[in-house]
Amino acid sequence: MTGYSVESEAVLRSAGWWPDRQVDTGGWVEPLERNGARLHEAAQIFLGEFGGLVIDISGSGVNRAREPFEINPLRCLGEEERFQEWGDELGRTIFPIGILDKGRYFLGIDEQGEIYLVEAWVGSFGRMPQAMENLISGVQPEIVSEG
């Protein structure tokens, strides 16, 4: 039992995930930290389990379209200041974790395992593992700040 719905688990497995998956995160973390991103335990754990996955989904979802996403922090390289500024506004440390909708939006995670959509505004998909369910099933993120 993984804690994910049957559908979400199937989507994750088709992308190369398995329970207790662990990958090396150094190649993602070090370049971002050199540019000012601040790694925390929740980001390290999340990237160890989901890093490198490309979730290629589409179609209608719960209350928004299902959009593809990629867990690759290097897709956020150069945006570290954006994550830091939003984190400061929210009183959190948001570490970059990837992109949503082929780079239209960035994704980040805070120290409590909450996954954020980061753009000119910030929305929350909730905390893990529910956040992953919400991303896969097409649940609209809750706007937490519009700047």
C-alpha atoms as a PDB file:
ATOM      1  CA  MET A   1       0.000   0.000   0.000  1.00  0.00           C
ATOM      2  CA  THR A   2       1.531   3.287  -1.133  1.00  0.00           C
ATOM      3  CA  GLY A   3      -0.995   5.843   0.071  1.00  0.00           C
ATOM      4  CA  TYR A   4      -1.846   6.846  -3.519  1.00  0.00           C
ATOM      5  CA  SER A   5      -5.019   6.088  -5.428  1.00  0.00           C
ATOM      6  CA  VAL A   6      -4.854   3.208  -7.900  1.00  0.00           C
ATOM      7  CA  GLU A   7      -4.884   5.710 -10.784  1.00  0.00           C
ATOM      8  CA  SER A   8      -2.149   7.930  -9.318  1.00  0.00           C
ATOM      9  CA  GLU A   9       0.040   4.960  -8.476  1.00  0.00           C
ATOM     10  CA  ALA A  10      -0.333   3.676 -12.059  1.00  0.00           C
ATOM     11  CA  VAL A  11       0.642   7.103 -13.451  1.00  0.00           C
ATOM     12  CA  LEU A  12       3.657   7.301 -11.141  1.00  0.00           C
ATOM     13  CA  ARG A  13       4.788   3.741 -11.927  1.00  0.00           C
ATOM     14  CA  SER A  14       4.498   4.356 -15.670  1.00  0.00           C
ATOM     15  CA  ALA A  15       6.887   7.311 -15.179  1.00  0.00           C
ATOM     16  CA  GLY A  16       9.441   5.088 -13.418  1.00  0.00           C
ATOM     17  CA  TRP A  17       8.497   5.496  -9.754  1.00  0.00           C
ATOM     18  CA  TRP A  18       8.245   2.655  -7.254  1.00  0.00           C
ATOM     19  CA  PRO A  19       7.690   2.596  -3.479  1.00  0.00           C
ATOM     20  CA  ASP A  20      10.857   3.465  -1.516  1.00  0.00           C
ATOM     21  CA  ARG A  21      12.561   4.739  -4.692  1.00  0.00           C
ATOM     22  CA  GLN A  22      15.802   6.586  -3.933  1.00  0.00           C
ATOM     23  CA  VAL A  23      17.904   8.491  -6.453  1.00  0.00           C
ATOM     24  CA  ASP A  24      20.971  10.671  -6.040  1.00  0.00           C
ATOM     25  CA  THR A  25      19.951  14.321  -5.771  1.00  0.00           C
ATOM     26  CA  GLY A  26      23.374  15.982  -5.806  1.00  0.00           C
ATOM     27  CA  GLY A  27      23.313  16.843  -9.488  1.00  0.00           C
ATOM     28  CA  TRP A  28      20.114  18.815  -8.993  1.00  0.00           C
ATOM     29  CA  VAL A  29      20.743  20.307  -5.578  1.00  0.00           C
ATOM     30  CA  GLU A  30      24.302  21.603  -5.888  1.00  0.00           C
ATOM     31  CA  PRO A  31      23.752  23.971  -8.874  1.00  0.00           C
ATOM     32  CA  LEU A  32      20.635  25.441  -7.250  1.00  0.00           C
ATOM     33  CA  GLU A  33      22.357  25.915  -3.888  1.00  0.00           C
ATOM     34  CA  ARG A  34      25.248  27.697  -5.645  1.00  0.00           C
ATOM     35  CA  ASN A  35      22.625  30.134  -6.963  1.00  0.00           C
ATOM     36  CA  GLY A  36      21.091  30.745  -3.537  1.00  0.00           C
ATOM     37  CA  ALA A  37      18.401  28.079  -3.157  1.00  0.00           C
ATOM     38  CA  ARG A  38      18.185  26.651   0.377  1.00  0.00           C
ATOM     39  CA  LEU A  39      17.712  22.899   0.567  1.00  0.00           C
ATOM     40  CA  HIS A  40      15.695  21.477   3.466  1.00  0.00           C
ATOM     41  CA  GLU A  41      14.862  17.953   4.552  1.00  0.00           C
ATOM     42  CA  ALA A  42      11.424  17.811   2.909  1.00  0.00           C
ATOM     43  CA  ALA A  43      12.926  18.789  -0.459  1.00  0.00           C
ATOM     44  CA  GLN A  44      15.735  16.252  -0.087  1.00  0.00           C
ATOM     45  CA  ILE A  45      13.270  13.458   0.714  1.00  0.00           C
ATOM     46  CA  PHE A  46      10.877  14.454  -2.078  1.00  0.00           C
ATOM     47  CA  LEU A  47      13.614  14.676  -4.719  1.00  0.00           C
ATOM     48  CA  GLY A  48      15.120  11.383  -3.577  1.00  0.00           C
ATOM     49  CA  GLU A  49      11.804   9.669  -4.231  1.00  0.00           C
ATOM     50  CA  PHE A  50      10.389  11.566  -7.227  1.00  0.00           C
ATOM     51  CA  GLY A  51      13.363  13.327  -8.835  1.00  0.00           C
ATOM     52  CA  GLY A  52      13.739  12.732 -12.561  1.00  0.00           C
ATOM     53  CA  LEU A  53      10.144  11.671 -13.165  1.00  0.00           C
ATOM     54  CA  VAL A  54       8.282  13.060 -16.163  1.00  0.00           C
ATOM     55  CA  ILE A  55       4.536  12.720 -15.678  1.00  0.00           C
ATOM     56  CA  ASP A  56       2.966  12.937 -19.130  1.00  0.00           C
ATOM     57  CA  ILE A  57      -0.733  13.399 -18.462  1.00  0.00           C
ATOM     58  CA  SER A  58      -3.503  15.372 -20.140  1.00  0.00           C
ATOM     59  CA  GLY A  59      -7.260  15.574 -20.346  1.00  0.00           C
ATOM     60  CA  SER A  60      -9.918  16.808 -17.998  1.00  0.00           C
ATOM     61  CA  GLY A  61      -9.352  16.580 -14.283  1.00  0.00           C
ATOM     62  CA  VAL A  62     -11.303  17.208 -11.091  1.00  0.00           C
ATOM     63  CA  ASN A  63     -11.585  20.981 -11.567  1.00  0.00           C
ATOM     64  CA  ARG A  64      -8.796  21.852 -14.032  1.00  0.00           C
ATOM     65  CA  ALA A  65      -7.062  20.186 -16.943  1.00  0.00           C
ATOM     66  CA  ARG A  66      -4.504  17.516 -16.134  1.00  0.00           C
ATOM     67  CA  GLU A  67      -1.172  19.003 -17.122  1.00  0.00           C
ATOM     68  CA  PRO A  68       2.156  17.256 -17.617  1.00  0.00           C
ATOM     69  CA  PHE A  69       4.822  17.931 -15.009  1.00  0.00           C
ATOM     70  CA  GLU A  70       8.474  17.139 -14.557  1.00  0.00           C
ATOM     71  CA  ILE A  71      10.329  16.700 -11.278  1.00  0.00           C
ATOM     72  CA  ASN A  72      13.672  18.155 -12.307  1.00  0.00           C
ATOM     73  CA  PRO A  73      14.884  21.129 -10.241  1.00  0.00           C
ATOM     74  CA  LEU A  74      17.354  22.131 -12.959  1.00  0.00           C
ATOM     75  CA  ARG A  75      14.364  23.231 -15.046  1.00  0.00           C
ATOM     76  CA  CYS A  76      14.107  26.055 -12.451  1.00  0.00           C
ATOM     77  CA  LEU A  77      17.768  27.091 -12.686  1.00  0.00           C
ATOM     78  CA  GLY A  78      17.992  30.875 -12.786  1.00  0.00           C
ATOM     79  CA  GLU A  79      14.699  31.290 -10.895  1.00  0.00           C
ATOM     80  CA  GLU A  80      16.131  30.811  -7.386  1.00  0.00           C
ATOM     81  CA  GLU A  81      15.453  34.443  -6.453  1.00  0.00           C
ATOM     82  CA  ARG A  82      11.785  34.069  -7.407  1.00  0.00           C
ATOM     83  CA  PHE A  83      11.469  31.066  -5.070  1.00  0.00           C
ATOM     84  CA  GLN A  84      13.290  32.915  -2.276  1.00  0.00           C
ATOM     85  CA  GLU A  85      11.102  36.024  -2.611  1.00  0.00           C
ATOM     86  CA  TRP A  86       7.868  34.011  -2.544  1.00  0.00           C
ATOM     87  CA  GLY A  87       9.184  31.964   0.362  1.00  0.00           C
ATOM     88  CA  ASP A  88       9.996  35.158   2.276  1.00  0.00           C
ATOM     89  CA  GLU A  89       6.498  36.480   1.608  1.00  0.00           C
ATOM     90  CA  LEU A  90       4.912  33.252   2.868  1.00  0.00           C
ATOM     91  CA  GLY A  91       7.342  32.747   5.757  1.00  0.00           C
ATOM     92  CA  ARG A  92       8.569  29.483   4.230  1.00  0.00           C
ATOM     93  CA  THR A  93      11.619  28.135   2.448  1.00  0.00           C
ATOM     94  CA  ILE A  94      10.466  27.029  -0.994  1.00  0.00           C
ATOM     95  CA  PHE A  95      12.936  24.829  -2.847  1.00  0.00           C
ATOM     96  CA  PRO A  96      12.534  24.428  -6.631  1.00  0.00           C
ATOM     97  CA  ILE A  97      11.505  20.921  -7.693  1.00  0.00           C
ATOM     98  CA  GLY A  98      10.412  21.179 -11.328  1.00  0.00           C
ATOM     99  CA  ILE A  99       7.925  22.463 -13.852  1.00  0.00           C
ATOM    100  CA  LEU A 100       4.231  22.145 -14.652  1.00  0.00           C
ATOM    101  CA  ASP A 101       2.604  22.375 -18.082  1.00  0.00           C
ATOM    102  CA  LYS A 102       5.889  22.091 -20.038  1.00  0.00           C
ATOM    103  CA  GLY A 103       7.475  25.034 -18.215  1.00  0.00           C
ATOM    104  CA  ARG A 104       4.515  27.394 -18.061  1.00  0.00           C
ATOM    105  CA  TYR A 105       4.710  27.165 -14.256  1.00  0.00           C
ATOM    106  CA  PHE A 106       7.395  26.253 -11.738  1.00  0.00           C
ATOM    107  CA  LEU A 107       6.921  23.841  -8.842  1.00  0.00           C
ATOM    108  CA  GLY A 108       8.457  24.127  -5.380  1.00  0.00           C
ATOM    109  CA  ILE A 109       8.225  22.447  -1.984  1.00  0.00           C
ATOM    110  CA  ASP A 110       8.440  23.953   1.492  1.00  0.00           C
ATOM    111  CA  GLU A 111       9.841  22.466   4.686  1.00  0.00           C
ATOM    112  CA  GLN A 112       6.469  20.985   5.610  1.00  0.00           C
ATOM    113  CA  GLY A 113       6.088  19.093   2.336  1.00  0.00           C
ATOM    114  CA  GLU A 114       3.636  21.548   0.769  1.00  0.00           C
ATOM    115  CA  ILE A 115       3.883  21.718  -3.030  1.00  0.00           C
ATOM    116  CA  TYR A 116       3.493  25.121  -4.688  1.00  0.00           C
ATOM    117  CA  LEU A 117       2.824  26.360  -8.184  1.00  0.00           C
ATOM    118  CA  VAL A 118       5.142  29.363  -8.564  1.00  0.00           C
ATOM    119  CA  GLU A 119       4.592  32.025 -11.190  1.00  0.00           C
ATOM    120  CA  ALA A 120       3.643  35.724 -10.854  1.00  0.00           C
ATOM    121  CA  TRP A 121       1.385  34.339  -8.101  1.00  0.00           C
ATOM    122  CA  VAL A 122       1.631  31.294  -5.839  1.00  0.00           C
ATOM    123  CA  GLY A 123      -0.829  28.453  -5.463  1.00  0.00           C
ATOM    124  CA  SER A 124      -0.743  25.398  -3.202  1.00  0.00           C
ATOM    125  CA  PHE A 125      -1.477  21.810  -4.194  1.00  0.00           C
ATOM    126  CA  GLY A 126      -1.395  20.882  -0.495  1.00  0.00           C
ATOM    127  CA  ARG A 127       1.034  18.742   1.443  1.00  0.00           C
ATOM    128  CA  MET A 128       2.517  15.475   0.308  1.00  0.00           C
ATOM    129  CA  PRO A 129       1.228  12.892  -0.430  1.00  0.00           C
ATOM    130  CA  GLN A 130      -2.092  14.622  -1.195  1.00  0.00           C
ATOM    131  CA  ALA A 131      -0.252  17.209  -3.307  1.00  0.00           C
ATOM    132  CA  MET A 132       0.889  14.492  -5.715  1.00  0.00           C
ATOM    133  CA  GLU A 133      -2.670  13.179  -5.941  1.00  0.00           C
ATOM    134  CA  ASN A 134      -3.882  16.715  -6.699  1.00  0.00           C
ATOM    135  CA  LEU A 135      -1.250  17.273  -9.401  1.00  0.00           C
ATOM    136  CA  ILE A 136      -2.073  13.968 -11.114  1.00  0.00           C
ATOM    137  CA  SER A 137      -5.859  14.166 -10.821  1.00  0.00           C
ATOM    138  CA  GLY A 138      -6.215  17.775 -11.990  1.00  0.00           C
ATOM    139  CA  VAL A 139      -7.135  19.644  -8.819  1.00  0.00           C
ATOM    140  CA  GLN A 140      -6.844  23.429  -9.061  1.00  0.00           C
ATOM    141  CA  PRO A 141      -4.193  24.805  -6.677  1.00  0.00           C
ATOM    142  CA  GLU A 142      -5.449  27.141  -3.968  1.00  0.00           C
ATOM    143  CA  ILE A 143      -4.112  30.667  -4.471  1.00  0.00           C
ATOM    144  CA  VAL A 144      -2.045  31.590  -1.409  1.00  0.00           C
ATOM    145  CA  SER A 145      -0.561  34.872  -2.654  1.00  0.00           C
ATOM    146  CA  GLU A 146      -0.963  37.113  -5.648  1.00  0.00           C
ATOM    147  CA  GLY A 147       1.940  39.344  -4.649  1.00  0.00           C
END
